[in-house]
PDB file of N, CA and C in Angstrom:
ATOM      1  N   MET A   1      -3.734   5.829  12.377  1.00  0.00           N
ATOM      2  CA  MET A   1      -3.499   4.495  11.346  1.00  0.00           C
ATOM      3  C   MET A   1      -3.212   3.137  12.429  1.00  0.00           C
ATOM      4  N   LEU A   2      -4.359   1.662  11.578  1.00  0.00           N
ATOM      5  CA  LEU A   2      -3.588   0.563  12.182  1.00  0.00           C
ATOM      6  C   LEU A   2      -2.449   0.230  11.448  1.00  0.00           C
ATOM      7  N   ASN A   3      -1.278   0.048  11.862  1.00  0.00           N
ATOM      8  CA  ASN A   3      -0.698  -1.539  11.611  1.00  0.00           C
ATOM      9  C   ASN A   3      -0.502  -2.216  11.290  1.00  0.00           C
ATOM     10  N   HIS A   4      -0.721  -2.984   9.982  1.00  0.00           N
ATOM     11  CA  HIS A   4      -0.934  -4.746  10.900  1.00  0.00           C
ATOM     12  C   HIS A   4       0.603  -5.295  10.672  1.00  0.00           C
ATOM     13  N   ASN A   5       1.801  -4.558  10.488  1.00  0.00           N
ATOM     14  CA  ASN A   5       2.959  -5.380  10.528  1.00  0.00           C
ATOM     15  C   ASN A   5       3.292  -4.946  12.094  1.00  0.00           C
ATOM     16  N   GLN A   6       2.633  -4.203  13.354  1.00  0.00           N
ATOM     17  CA  GLN A   6       3.349  -4.251  14.462  1.00  0.00           C
ATOM     18  C   GLN A   6       2.929  -5.834  15.039  1.00  0.00           C
ATOM     19  N   LYS A   7       4.409  -5.440  16.575  1.00  0.00           N
ATOM     20  CA  LYS A   7       4.679  -6.753  17.224  1.00  0.00           C
ATOM     21  C   LYS A   7       3.947  -6.537  18.016  1.00  0.00           C
ATOM     22  N   ILE A   8       2.847  -7.581  18.708  1.00  0.00           N
ATOM     23  CA  ILE A   8       2.063  -7.080  19.617  1.00  0.00           C
ATOM     24  C   ILE A   8       2.454  -8.202  20.708  1.00  0.00           C
ATOM     25  N   LEU A   9       2.617  -8.049  21.978  1.00  0.00           N
ATOM     26  CA  LEU A   9       2.844  -8.800  23.054  1.00  0.00           C
ATOM     27  C   LEU A   9       1.768  -9.413  24.769  1.00  0.00           C
ATOM     28  N   PHE A  10       1.325  -9.940  23.887  1.00  0.00           N
ATOM     29  CA  PHE A  10       0.011 -10.274  24.906  1.00  0.00           C
ATOM     30  C   PHE A  10       0.213 -11.495  25.851  1.00  0.00           C
ATOM     31  N   CYS A  11       0.271 -10.599  27.388  1.00  0.00           N
ATOM     32  CA  CYS A  11       0.391 -11.909  28.890  1.00  0.00           C
ATOM     33  C   CYS A  11      -0.611 -12.347  29.364  1.00  0.00           C
ATOM     34  N   VAL A  12      -0.805 -13.056  29.952  1.00  0.00           N
ATOM     35  CA  VAL A  12      -1.948 -13.075  31.059  1.00  0.00           C
ATOM     36  C   VAL A  12      -0.951 -13.471  31.951  1.00  0.00           C
ATOM     37  N   THR A  13      -1.548 -12.942  33.456  1.00  0.00           N
ATOM     38  CA  THR A  13      -0.906 -13.554  34.817  1.00  0.00           C
ATOM     39  C   THR A  13      -1.540 -13.405  35.675  1.00  0.00           C
ATOM     40  N   GLY A  14      -2.003 -13.954  36.676  1.00  0.00           N
ATOM     41  CA  GLY A  14      -2.105 -13.615  38.034  1.00  0.00           C
ATOM     42  C   GLY A  14      -1.494 -14.188  39.126  1.00  0.00           C
ATOM     43  N   MET A  15      -0.699 -14.552  39.602  1.00  0.00           N
ATOM     44  CA  MET A  15      -0.288 -13.959  41.671  1.00  0.00           C
ATOM     45  C   MET A  15       1.276 -14.390  40.856  1.00  0.00           C
ATOM     46  N   SER A  16       1.494 -14.226  39.754  1.00  0.00           N
ATOM     47  CA  SER A  16       3.107 -13.920  39.392  1.00  0.00           C
ATOM     48  C   SER A  16       3.187 -13.271  38.409  1.00  0.00           C
ATOM     49  N   PRO A  17       3.524 -12.188  38.677  1.00  0.00           N
ATOM     50  CA  PRO A  17       3.464 -10.676  37.339  1.00  0.00           C
ATOM     51  C   PRO A  17       5.090 -10.387  37.015  1.00  0.00           C
ATOM     52  N   ALA A  18       6.147 -11.303  37.835  1.00  0.00           N
ATOM     53  CA  ALA A  18       7.511 -11.663  36.679  1.00  0.00           C
ATOM     54  C   ALA A  18       7.332 -12.170  35.723  1.00  0.00           C
ATOM     55  N   VAL A  19       6.365 -13.040  35.734  1.00  0.00           N
ATOM     56  CA  VAL A  19       6.580 -14.453  34.510  1.00  0.00           C
ATOM     57  C   VAL A  19       6.584 -12.857  33.408  1.00  0.00           C
ATOM     58  N   VAL A  20       5.738 -11.736  32.774  1.00  0.00           N
ATOM     59  CA  VAL A  20       5.533 -11.005  32.646  1.00  0.00           C
ATOM     60  C   VAL A  20       7.142 -10.202  32.349  1.00  0.00           C
ATOM     61  N   THR A  21       7.839 -10.092  33.121  1.00  0.00           N
ATOM     62  CA  THR A  21       9.358  -9.570  32.547  1.00  0.00           C
ATOM     63  C   THR A  21      10.435 -10.385  32.594  1.00  0.00           C
ATOM     64  N   GLU A  22      10.014 -11.959  32.535  1.00  0.00           N
ATOM     65  CA  GLU A  22      11.386 -12.868  32.154  1.00  0.00           C
ATOM     66  C   GLU A  22      10.876 -13.105  31.309  1.00  0.00           C
ATOM     67  N   THR A  23       9.630 -12.529  30.962  1.00  0.00           N
ATOM     68  CA  THR A  23       9.628 -13.410  29.495  1.00  0.00           C
ATOM     69  C   THR A  23       9.609 -12.203  28.258  1.00  0.00           C
ATOM     70  N   LEU A  24       9.996 -11.214  28.649  1.00  0.00           N
ATOM     71  CA  LEU A  24      10.013  -9.906  27.762  1.00  0.00           C
ATOM     72  C   LEU A  24      12.165 -10.448  27.873  1.00  0.00           C
ATOM     73  N   TYR A  25      12.507 -10.077  28.966  1.00  0.00           N
ATOM     74  CA  TYR A  25      13.890 -10.486  28.927  1.00  0.00           C
ATOM     75  C   TYR A  25      14.585 -11.715  27.811  1.00  0.00           C
ATOM     76  N   ALA A  26      13.470 -12.660  27.856  1.00  0.00           N
ATOM     77  CA  ALA A  26      13.902 -13.856  27.419  1.00  0.00           C
ATOM     78  C   ALA A  26      14.166 -13.290  25.458  1.00  0.00           C
ATOM     79  N   LEU A  27      13.318 -13.300  25.347  1.00  0.00           N
ATOM     80  CA  LEU A  27      12.714 -12.521  23.969  1.00  0.00           C
ATOM     81  C   LEU A  27      13.130 -11.451  23.404  1.00  0.00           C
ATOM     82  N   THR A  28      13.873 -10.398  23.743  1.00  0.00           N
ATOM     83  CA  THR A  28      14.868  -9.257  23.779  1.00  0.00           C
ATOM     84  C   THR A  28      16.077 -10.164  23.550  1.00  0.00           C
ATOM     85  N   GLN A  29      16.760 -10.998  24.079  1.00  0.00           N
ATOM     86  CA  GLN A  29      18.195 -11.800  24.091  1.00  0.00           C
ATOM     87  C   GLN A  29      17.939 -11.983  23.470  1.00  0.00           C
ATOM     88  N   LYS A  30      17.380 -12.789  22.870  1.00  0.00           N
ATOM     89  CA  LYS A  30      17.620 -13.715  21.435  1.00  0.00           C
ATOM     90  C   LYS A  30      17.613 -12.759  19.721  1.00  0.00           C
ATOM     91  N   LYS A  31      16.598 -11.749  20.278  1.00  0.00           N
ATOM     92  CA  LYS A  31      16.262 -10.905  19.503  1.00  0.00           C
ATOM     93  C   LYS A  31      15.117 -11.002  18.519  1.00  0.00           C
ATOM     94  N   GLU A  32      14.709 -12.518  18.367  1.00  0.00           N
ATOM     95  CA  GLU A  32      13.449 -12.374  17.235  1.00  0.00           C
ATOM     96  C   GLU A  32      12.537 -11.719  17.735  1.00  0.00           C
ATOM     97  N   PHE A  33      12.158 -11.278  18.415  1.00  0.00           N
ATOM     98  CA  PHE A  33      10.536 -10.928  19.201  1.00  0.00           C
ATOM     99  C   PHE A  33      10.879  -9.997  19.530  1.00  0.00           C
ATOM    100  N   ILE A  34      10.469  -8.134  19.256  1.00  0.00           N
ATOM    101  CA  ILE A  34      10.706  -7.024  19.984  1.00  0.00           C
ATOM    102  C   ILE A  34       9.292  -6.610  19.830  1.00  0.00           C
ATOM    103  N   PRO A  35       8.549  -6.812  20.963  1.00  0.00           N
ATOM    104  CA  PRO A  35       7.203  -5.751  20.575  1.00  0.00           C
ATOM    105  C   PRO A  35       7.206  -4.674  21.006  1.00  0.00           C
ATOM    106  N   ASP A  36       6.148  -3.857  19.991  1.00  0.00           N
ATOM    107  CA  ASP A  36       5.734  -2.727  19.694  1.00  0.00           C
ATOM    108  C   ASP A  36       5.350  -2.340  20.861  1.00  0.00           C
ATOM    109  N   ALA A  37       4.077  -2.747  21.805  1.00  0.00           N
ATOM    110  CA  ALA A  37       3.118  -3.055  22.240  1.00  0.00           C
ATOM    111  C   ALA A  37       3.193  -4.262  22.717  1.00  0.00           C
ATOM    112  N   ILE A  38       2.785  -3.951  24.455  1.00  0.00           N
ATOM    113  CA  ILE A  38       2.573  -5.205  25.330  1.00  0.00           C
ATOM    114  C   ILE A  38       0.683  -4.614  25.836  1.00  0.00           C
ATOM    115  N   TYR A  39       0.274  -5.746  26.357  1.00  0.00           N
ATOM    116  CA  TYR A  39      -1.306  -5.690  27.108  1.00  0.00           C
ATOM    117  C   TYR A  39      -0.577  -6.935  28.109  1.00  0.00           C
ATOM    118  N   VAL A  40      -1.669  -6.472  29.270  1.00  0.00           N
ATOM    119  CA  VAL A  40      -1.065  -7.755  30.431  1.00  0.00           C
ATOM    120  C   VAL A  40      -2.446  -7.994  30.529  1.00  0.00           C
ATOM    121  N   ALA A  41      -3.135  -9.373  30.980  1.00  0.00           N
ATOM    122  CA  ALA A  41      -4.391  -9.672  32.190  1.00  0.00           C
ATOM    123  C   ALA A  41      -4.275 -10.128  32.629  1.00  0.00           C
ATOM    124  N   THR A  42      -4.978  -9.929  33.683  1.00  0.00           N
ATOM    125  CA  THR A  42      -4.954 -10.603  35.522  1.00  0.00           C
ATOM    126  C   THR A  42      -5.808 -10.601  35.771  1.00  0.00           C
ATOM    127  N   THR A  43      -5.401 -11.512  36.673  1.00  0.00           N
ATOM    128  CA  THR A  43      -7.107 -11.628  37.679  1.00  0.00           C
ATOM    129  C   THR A  43      -7.064 -10.626  38.461  1.00  0.00           C
ATOM    130  N   ALA A  44      -8.480 -10.438  39.241  1.00  0.00           N
ATOM    131  CA  ALA A  44      -8.745  -9.603  40.779  1.00  0.00           C
ATOM    132  C   ALA A  44      -7.432  -9.338  41.469  1.00  0.00           C
ATOM    133  N   GLN A  45      -6.966 -10.405  41.762  1.00  0.00           N
ATOM    134  CA  GLN A  45      -5.897 -10.826  43.482  1.00  0.00           C
ATOM    135  C   GLN A  45      -5.183 -10.959  42.100  1.00  0.00           C
ATOM    136  N   GLY A  46      -4.314 -10.503  40.961  1.00  0.00           N
ATOM    137  CA  GLY A  46      -3.169  -9.908  40.887  1.00  0.00           C
ATOM    138  C   GLY A  46      -2.803  -9.320  40.176  1.00  0.00           C
ATOM    139  N   LYS A  47      -3.877  -8.014  40.126  1.00  0.00           N
ATOM    140  CA  LYS A  47      -4.131  -6.939  40.374  1.00  0.00           C
ATOM    141  C   LYS A  47      -3.064  -6.768  41.556  1.00  0.00           C
ATOM    142  N   ASN A  48      -3.860  -7.078  42.537  1.00  0.00           N
ATOM    143  CA  ASN A  48      -3.199  -6.365  43.990  1.00  0.00           C
ATOM    144  C   ASN A  48      -2.705  -7.431  44.541  1.00  0.00           C
ATOM    145  N   THR A  49      -1.262  -7.001  44.147  1.00  0.00           N
ATOM    146  CA  THR A  49      -0.051  -8.703  44.152  1.00  0.00           C
ATOM    147  C   THR A  49       0.923  -7.406  43.723  1.00  0.00           C
TER     148      THR A  49
END
């Protein structure tokens, strides 16, 4: 069943995957946005780092 109130974090990253972790950490520290799901898109080059 689809939940229309689900909080989703969609990140796009390339050669610096640490940006995803840093973003998630910053969001959870303020407790304003804690995602229910995280999706990450990357480049082929970023996938291999």
